[in-house]
Amino acid sequence: MVRRFRGNMNGEQYLGNTSTTEVHDLDNEDTAGNGCQIDEIIAAGNDKPFTSLTQAHSAGYDNCAKCLGDSQR
């Protein structure tokens, strides 16, 4: 539940996982053991920042079922 300033992130609210084309909301991050795993996404270099959810959806990213809900997968 913390904005990130490492990897490709610069404090943006939304992080896209380029490996899965899934978008996460860092203000509503699921930090449980099987949750969003944002730090792992950044460490793998799969982080793509988005300034809005609309921008992520326009780029073809689907909602994370855990932190955003309404996943289409």
PDB file of N, CA and C in Angstrom:
ATOM      1  N   MET A   1       0.820  -1.191   0.000  1.00  0.00           N
ATOM      2  CA  MET A   1       0.000   0.000   0.000  1.00  0.00           C
ATOM      3  C   MET A   1       0.862   1.252   0.000  1.00  0.00           C
ATOM      4  N   VAL A   2       1.938   1.157  -0.760  1.00  0.00           N
ATOM      5  CA  VAL A   2       2.886   2.259  -0.812  1.00  0.00           C
ATOM      6  C   VAL A   2       3.246   2.530  -2.265  1.00  0.00           C
ATOM      7  N   ARG A   3       3.254   3.780  -2.624  1.00  0.00           N
ATOM      8  CA  ARG A   3       3.726   4.135  -3.961  1.00  0.00           C
ATOM      9  C   ARG A   3       5.217   3.820  -4.040  1.00  0.00           C
ATOM     10  N   ARG A   4       5.692   3.457  -5.222  1.00  0.00           N
ATOM     11  CA  ARG A   4       7.087   3.062  -5.396  1.00  0.00           C
ATOM     12  C   ARG A   4       7.842   4.111  -6.208  1.00  0.00           C
ATOM     13  N   PHE A   5       9.133   4.259  -5.883  1.00  0.00           N
ATOM     14  CA  PHE A   5      10.022   5.183  -6.587  1.00  0.00           C
ATOM     15  C   PHE A   5      11.292   4.451  -7.006  1.00  0.00           C
ATOM     16  N   ARG A   6      11.120   3.230  -7.481  1.00  0.00           N
ATOM     17  CA  ARG A   6      12.255   2.468  -7.999  1.00  0.00           C
ATOM     18  C   ARG A   6      11.788   1.701  -9.226  1.00  0.00           C
ATOM     19  N   GLY A   7      12.739   1.054  -9.885  1.00  0.00           N
ATOM     20  CA  GLY A   7      12.391   0.423 -11.151  1.00  0.00           C
ATOM     21  C   GLY A   7      11.942   1.506 -12.114  1.00  0.00           C
ATOM     22  N   ASN A   8      10.854   1.278 -12.792  1.00  0.00           N
ATOM     23  CA  ASN A   8      10.304   2.273 -13.721  1.00  0.00           C
ATOM     24  C   ASN A   8       9.281   3.182 -13.062  1.00  0.00           C
ATOM     25  N   MET A   9       8.988   2.927 -11.805  1.00  0.00           N
ATOM     26  CA  MET A   9       7.947   3.668 -11.101  1.00  0.00           C
ATOM     27  C   MET A   9       8.490   4.974 -10.543  1.00  0.00           C
ATOM     28  N   ASN A  10       7.670   6.011 -10.598  1.00  0.00           N
ATOM     29  CA  ASN A  10       8.041   7.320 -10.076  1.00  0.00           C
ATOM     30  C   ASN A  10       6.880   7.894  -9.268  1.00  0.00           C
ATOM     31  N   GLY A  11       6.303   7.040  -8.421  1.00  0.00           N
ATOM     32  CA  GLY A  11       5.212   7.484  -7.566  1.00  0.00           C
ATOM     33  C   GLY A  11       3.835   7.366  -8.184  1.00  0.00           C
ATOM     34  N   GLU A  12       3.727   6.743  -9.360  1.00  0.00           N
ATOM     35  CA  GLU A  12       2.428   6.589 -10.000  1.00  0.00           C
ATOM     36  C   GLU A  12       1.535   5.653  -9.182  1.00  0.00           C
ATOM     37  N   GLN A  13       0.242   5.829  -9.313  1.00  0.00           N
ATOM     38  CA  GLN A  13      -0.714   5.003  -8.581  1.00  0.00           C
ATOM     39  C   GLN A  13      -0.896   3.627  -9.211  1.00  0.00           C
ATOM     40  N   TYR A  14      -0.752   3.543 -10.527  1.00  0.00           N
ATOM     41  CA  TYR A  14      -1.040   2.287 -11.222  1.00  0.00           C
ATOM     42  C   TYR A  14       0.227   1.678 -11.807  1.00  0.00           C
ATOM     43  N   LEU A  15       0.392   0.388 -11.568  1.00  0.00           N
ATOM     44  CA  LEU A  15       1.541  -0.352 -12.055  1.00  0.00           C
ATOM     45  C   LEU A  15       1.055  -1.475 -12.958  1.00  0.00           C
ATOM     46  N   GLY A  16       1.526  -1.479 -14.195  1.00  0.00           N
ATOM     47  CA  GLY A  16       1.207  -2.566 -15.108  1.00  0.00           C
ATOM     48  C   GLY A  16       2.302  -3.614 -15.060  1.00  0.00           C
ATOM     49  N   ASN A  17       1.921  -4.882 -15.091  1.00  0.00           N
ATOM     50  CA  ASN A  17       2.863  -5.986 -15.172  1.00  0.00           C
ATOM     51  C   ASN A  17       2.970  -6.359 -16.648  1.00  0.00           C
ATOM     52  N   THR A  18       4.109  -6.061 -17.260  1.00  0.00           N
ATOM     53  CA  THR A  18       4.267  -6.302 -18.694  1.00  0.00           C
ATOM     54  C   THR A  18       4.271  -7.788 -19.030  1.00  0.00           C
ATOM     55  N   SER A  19       4.528  -8.629 -18.058  1.00  0.00           N
ATOM     56  CA  SER A  19       4.533 -10.072 -18.290  1.00  0.00           C
ATOM     57  C   SER A  19       3.117 -10.641 -18.390  1.00  0.00           C
ATOM     58  N   THR A  20       2.192 -10.066 -17.623  1.00  0.00           N
ATOM     59  CA  THR A  20       0.818 -10.593 -17.581  1.00  0.00           C
ATOM     60  C   THR A  20      -0.212  -9.621 -18.154  1.00  0.00           C
ATOM     61  N   THR A  21       0.200  -8.420 -18.499  1.00  0.00           N
ATOM     62  CA  THR A  21      -0.681  -7.313 -18.906  1.00  0.00           C
ATOM     63  C   THR A  21      -1.828  -7.118 -17.906  1.00  0.00           C
ATOM     64  N   GLU A  22      -1.459  -7.124 -16.647  1.00  0.00           N
ATOM     65  CA  GLU A  22      -2.398  -6.884 -15.553  1.00  0.00           C
ATOM     66  C   GLU A  22      -1.996  -5.564 -14.895  1.00  0.00           C
ATOM     67  N   VAL A  23      -2.973  -4.757 -14.508  1.00  0.00           N
ATOM     68  CA  VAL A  23      -2.697  -3.478 -13.863  1.00  0.00           C
ATOM     69  C   VAL A  23      -3.104  -3.552 -12.395  1.00  0.00           C
ATOM     70  N   HIS A  24      -2.261  -2.953 -11.544  1.00  0.00           N
ATOM     71  CA  HIS A  24      -2.475  -2.942 -10.096  1.00  0.00           C
ATOM     72  C   HIS A  24      -2.645  -1.515  -9.599  1.00  0.00           C
ATOM     73  N   ASP A  25      -3.449  -1.355  -8.559  1.00  0.00           N
ATOM     74  CA  ASP A  25      -3.659  -0.063  -7.899  1.00  0.00           C
ATOM     75  C   ASP A  25      -2.825  -0.056  -6.625  1.00  0.00           C
ATOM     76  N   LEU A  26      -1.750   0.708  -6.606  1.00  0.00           N
ATOM     77  CA  LEU A  26      -0.850   0.713  -5.451  1.00  0.00           C
ATOM     78  C   LEU A  26      -1.482   1.346  -4.219  1.00  0.00           C
ATOM     79  N   ASP A  27      -2.567   2.096  -4.377  1.00  0.00           N
ATOM     80  CA  ASP A  27      -3.264   2.655  -3.222  1.00  0.00           C
ATOM     81  C   ASP A  27      -4.206   1.631  -2.588  1.00  0.00           C
ATOM     82  N   ASN A  28      -4.379   0.486  -3.242  1.00  0.00           N
ATOM     83  CA  ASN A  28      -5.278  -0.558  -2.747  1.00  0.00           C
ATOM     84  C   ASN A  28      -4.606  -1.939  -2.849  1.00  0.00           C
ATOM     85  N   GLU A  29      -3.285  -1.946  -2.780  1.00  0.00           N
ATOM     86  CA  GLU A  29      -2.484  -3.161  -2.972  1.00  0.00           C
ATOM     87  C   GLU A  29      -2.831  -4.256  -1.969  1.00  0.00           C
ATOM     88  N   ASP A  30      -2.946  -5.476  -2.460  1.00  0.00           N
ATOM     89  CA  ASP A  30      -3.146  -6.647  -1.609  1.00  0.00           C
ATOM     90  C   ASP A  30      -1.759  -7.161  -1.228  1.00  0.00           C
ATOM     91  N   THR A  31      -1.387  -7.004   0.034  1.00  0.00           N
ATOM     92  CA  THR A  31      -0.047  -7.364   0.491  1.00  0.00           C
ATOM     93  C   THR A  31       0.020  -8.749   1.119  1.00  0.00           C
ATOM     94  N   ALA A  32      -1.048  -9.526   1.028  1.00  0.00           N
ATOM     95  CA  ALA A  32      -1.039 -10.893   1.552  1.00  0.00           C
ATOM     96  C   ALA A  32      -0.003 -11.720   0.783  1.00  0.00           C
ATOM     97  N   GLY A  33       0.376 -12.854   1.321  1.00  0.00           N
ATOM     98  CA  GLY A  33       1.388 -13.704   0.709  1.00  0.00           C
ATOM     99  C   GLY A  33       1.124 -14.039  -0.746  1.00  0.00           C
ATOM    100  N   ASN A  34      -0.114 -14.229  -1.106  1.00  0.00           N
ATOM    101  CA  ASN A  34      -0.468 -14.522  -2.502  1.00  0.00           C
ATOM    102  C   ASN A  34      -1.137 -13.321  -3.157  1.00  0.00           C
ATOM    103  N   GLY A  35      -0.819 -12.136  -2.655  1.00  0.00           N
ATOM    104  CA  GLY A  35      -1.432 -10.905  -3.158  1.00  0.00           C
ATOM    105  C   GLY A  35      -0.761 -10.382  -4.413  1.00  0.00           C
ATOM    106  N   CYS A  36      -0.685  -9.096  -4.546  1.00  0.00           N
ATOM    107  CA  CYS A  36      -0.239  -8.446  -5.777  1.00  0.00           C
ATOM    108  C   CYS A  36       1.246  -8.641  -6.100  1.00  0.00           C
ATOM    109  N   GLN A  37       2.098  -8.774  -5.119  1.00  0.00           N
ATOM    110  CA  GLN A  37       3.537  -9.017  -5.293  1.00  0.00           C
ATOM    111  C   GLN A  37       4.214  -7.941  -6.146  1.00  0.00           C
ATOM    112  N   ILE A  38       3.928  -6.706  -5.819  1.00  0.00           N
ATOM    113  CA  ILE A  38       4.449  -5.557  -6.568  1.00  0.00           C
ATOM    114  C   ILE A  38       5.971  -5.513  -6.556  1.00  0.00           C
ATOM    115  N   ASP A  39       6.585  -5.759  -5.405  1.00  0.00           N
ATOM    116  CA  ASP A  39       8.051  -5.695  -5.334  1.00  0.00           C
ATOM    117  C   ASP A  39       8.701  -6.715  -6.268  1.00  0.00           C
ATOM    118  N   GLU A  40       8.098  -7.883  -6.411  1.00  0.00           N
ATOM    119  CA  GLU A  40       8.627  -8.907  -7.309  1.00  0.00           C
ATOM    120  C   GLU A  40       8.484  -8.492  -8.774  1.00  0.00           C
ATOM    121  N   ILE A  41       7.384  -7.840  -9.090  1.00  0.00           N
ATOM    122  CA  ILE A  41       7.172  -7.347 -10.461  1.00  0.00           C
ATOM    123  C   ILE A  41       8.248  -6.324 -10.812  1.00  0.00           C
ATOM    124  N   ILE A  42       8.524  -5.409  -9.893  1.00  0.00           N
ATOM    125  CA  ILE A  42       9.558  -4.385 -10.112  1.00  0.00           C
ATOM    126  C   ILE A  42      10.931  -5.031 -10.223  1.00  0.00           C
ATOM    127  N   ALA A  43      11.239  -5.969  -9.319  1.00  0.00           N
ATOM    128  CA  ALA A  43      12.550  -6.639  -9.333  1.00  0.00           C
ATOM    129  C   ALA A  43      12.790  -7.383 -10.638  1.00  0.00           C
ATOM    130  N   ALA A  44      11.739  -7.921 -11.236  1.00  0.00           N
ATOM    131  CA  ALA A  44      11.858  -8.650 -12.503  1.00  0.00           C
ATOM    132  C   ALA A  44      11.939  -7.707 -13.707  1.00  0.00           C
ATOM    133  N   GLY A  45      11.742  -6.413 -13.483  1.00  0.00           N
ATOM    134  CA  GLY A  45      11.779  -5.439 -14.578  1.00  0.00           C
ATOM    135  C   GLY A  45      10.518  -5.428 -15.414  1.00  0.00           C
ATOM    136  N   ASN A  46       9.417  -5.928 -14.843  1.00  0.00           N
ATOM    137  CA  ASN A  46       8.149  -6.005 -15.567  1.00  0.00           C
ATOM    138  C   ASN A  46       7.184  -4.887 -15.205  1.00  0.00           C
ATOM    139  N   ASP A  47       7.661  -3.838 -14.583  1.00  0.00           N
ATOM    140  CA  ASP A  47       6.801  -2.749 -14.129  1.00  0.00           C
ATOM    141  C   ASP A  47       6.658  -1.665 -15.191  1.00  0.00           C
ATOM    142  N   LYS A  48       5.415  -1.307 -15.465  1.00  0.00           N
ATOM    143  CA  LYS A  48       5.101  -0.221 -16.401  1.00  0.00           C
ATOM    144  C   LYS A  48       4.179   0.748 -15.673  1.00  0.00           C
ATOM    145  N   PRO A  49       4.627   1.984 -15.471  1.00  0.00           N
ATOM    146  CA  PRO A  49       3.808   2.956 -14.747  1.00  0.00           C
ATOM    147  C   PRO A  49       2.680   3.519 -15.596  1.00  0.00           C
ATOM    148  N   PHE A  50       1.558   3.757 -14.937  1.00  0.00           N
ATOM    149  CA  PHE A  50       0.412   4.428 -15.563  1.00  0.00           C
ATOM    150  C   PHE A  50      -0.090   5.504 -14.612  1.00  0.00           C
ATOM    151  N   THR A  51      -0.466   6.645 -15.158  1.00  0.00           N
ATOM    152  CA  THR A  51      -0.988   7.731 -14.332  1.00  0.00           C
ATOM    153  C   THR A  51      -2.484   7.613 -14.105  1.00  0.00           C
ATOM    154  N   SER A  52      -3.158   6.776 -14.917  1.00  0.00           N
ATOM    155  CA  SER A  52      -4.591   6.576 -14.724  1.00  0.00           C
ATOM    156  C   SER A  52      -4.967   5.154 -15.120  1.00  0.00           C
ATOM    157  N   LEU A  53      -6.065   4.696 -14.582  1.00  0.00           N
ATOM    158  CA  LEU A  53      -6.578   3.374 -14.928  1.00  0.00           C
ATOM    159  C   LEU A  53      -7.051   3.361 -16.378  1.00  0.00           C
ATOM    160  N   THR A  54      -7.611   4.453 -16.833  1.00  0.00           N
ATOM    161  CA  THR A  54      -8.045   4.573 -18.224  1.00  0.00           C
ATOM    162  C   THR A  54      -6.862   4.398 -19.175  1.00  0.00           C
ATOM    163  N   GLN A  55      -5.740   4.984 -18.828  1.00  0.00           N
ATOM    164  CA  GLN A  55      -4.529   4.859 -19.646  1.00  0.00           C
ATOM    165  C   GLN A  55      -4.091   3.390 -19.721  1.00  0.00           C
ATOM    166  N   ALA A  56      -4.130   2.680 -18.598  1.00  0.00           N
ATOM    167  CA  ALA A  56      -3.748   1.259 -18.572  1.00  0.00           C
ATOM    168  C   ALA A  56      -4.713   0.422 -19.411  1.00  0.00           C
ATOM    169  N   HIS A  57      -6.000   0.686 -19.278  1.00  0.00           N
ATOM    170  CA  HIS A  57      -6.993  -0.058 -20.056  1.00  0.00           C
ATOM    171  C   HIS A  57      -6.809   0.205 -21.555  1.00  0.00           C
ATOM    172  N   SER A  58      -6.523   1.437 -21.924  1.00  0.00           N
ATOM    173  CA  SER A  58      -6.301   1.782 -23.332  1.00  0.00           C
ATOM    174  C   SER A  58      -5.084   1.062 -23.910  1.00  0.00           C
ATOM    175  N   ALA A  59      -4.116   0.748 -23.032  1.00  0.00           N
ATOM    176  CA  ALA A  59      -2.906   0.034 -23.451  1.00  0.00           C
ATOM    177  C   ALA A  59      -3.119  -1.479 -23.452  1.00  0.00           C
ATOM    178  N   GLY A  60      -4.331  -1.920 -23.125  1.00  0.00           N
ATOM    179  CA  GLY A  60      -4.649  -3.343 -23.180  1.00  0.00           C
ATOM    180  C   GLY A  60      -4.464  -4.104 -21.887  1.00  0.00           C
ATOM    181  N   TYR A  61      -4.303  -3.397 -20.773  1.00  0.00           N
ATOM    182  CA  TYR A  61      -4.118  -4.050 -19.481  1.00  0.00           C
ATOM    183  C   TYR A  61      -5.461  -4.343 -18.818  1.00  0.00           C
ATOM    184  N   ASP A  62      -5.535  -5.486 -18.151  1.00  0.00           N
ATOM    185  CA  ASP A  62      -6.730  -5.926 -17.431  1.00  0.00           C
ATOM    186  C   ASP A  62      -6.534  -5.667 -15.940  1.00  0.00           C
ATOM    187  N   ASN A  63      -7.621  -5.461 -15.217  1.00  0.00           N
ATOM    188  CA  ASN A  63      -7.557  -5.221 -13.776  1.00  0.00           C
ATOM    189  C   ASN A  63      -7.038  -6.430 -13.016  1.00  0.00           C
ATOM    190  N   CYS A  64      -6.256  -6.182 -11.990  1.00  0.00           N
ATOM    191  CA  CYS A  64      -5.887  -7.226 -11.038  1.00  0.00           C
ATOM    192  C   CYS A  64      -7.156  -7.582 -10.254  1.00  0.00           C
ATOM    193  N   ALA A  65      -7.456  -8.850 -10.155  1.00  0.00           N
ATOM    194  CA  ALA A  65      -8.653  -9.290  -9.445  1.00  0.00           C
ATOM    195  C   ALA A  65      -8.576  -8.972  -7.957  1.00  0.00           C
ATOM    196  N   LYS A  66      -7.377  -8.848  -7.414  1.00  0.00           N
ATOM    197  CA  LYS A  66      -7.213  -8.653  -5.973  1.00  0.00           C
ATOM    198  C   LYS A  66      -7.317  -7.190  -5.550  1.00  0.00           C
ATOM    199  N   CYS A  67      -6.638  -6.298  -6.239  1.00  0.00           N
ATOM    200  CA  CYS A  67      -6.622  -4.911  -5.771  1.00  0.00           C
ATOM    201  C   CYS A  67      -7.613  -4.005  -6.504  1.00  0.00           C
ATOM    202  N   LEU A  68      -8.060  -4.410  -7.691  1.00  0.00           N
ATOM    203  CA  LEU A  68      -9.011  -3.602  -8.436  1.00  0.00           C
ATOM    204  C   LEU A  68     -10.367  -4.279  -8.649  1.00  0.00           C
ATOM    205  N   GLY A  69     -10.349  -5.601  -8.792  1.00  0.00           N
ATOM    206  CA  GLY A  69     -11.603  -6.307  -9.079  1.00  0.00           C
ATOM    207  C   GLY A  69     -12.005  -6.115 -10.533  1.00  0.00           C
ATOM    208  N   ASP A  70     -13.099  -6.733 -10.911  1.00  0.00           N
ATOM    209  CA  ASP A  70     -13.631  -6.645 -12.280  1.00  0.00           C
ATOM    210  C   ASP A  70     -12.648  -7.106 -13.347  1.00  0.00           C
ATOM    211  N   SER A  71     -11.808  -8.102 -13.006  1.00  0.00           N
ATOM    212  CA  SER A  71     -10.897  -8.663 -13.994  1.00  0.00           C
ATOM    213  C   SER A  71     -11.706  -9.341 -15.084  1.00  0.00           C
ATOM    214  N   GLN A  72     -11.286  -9.192 -16.318  1.00  0.00           N
ATOM    215  CA  GLN A  72     -11.978  -9.804 -17.447  1.00  0.00           C
ATOM    216  C   GLN A  72     -11.389 -11.167 -17.808  1.00  0.00           C
ATOM    217  N   ARG A  73     -10.445 -11.647 -16.998  1.00  0.00           N
ATOM    218  CA  ARG A  73      -9.812 -12.958 -17.270  1.00  0.00           C
ATOM    219  C   ARG A  73     -10.391 -14.025 -16.402  1.00  0.00           C
TER     220      ARG A  73
END
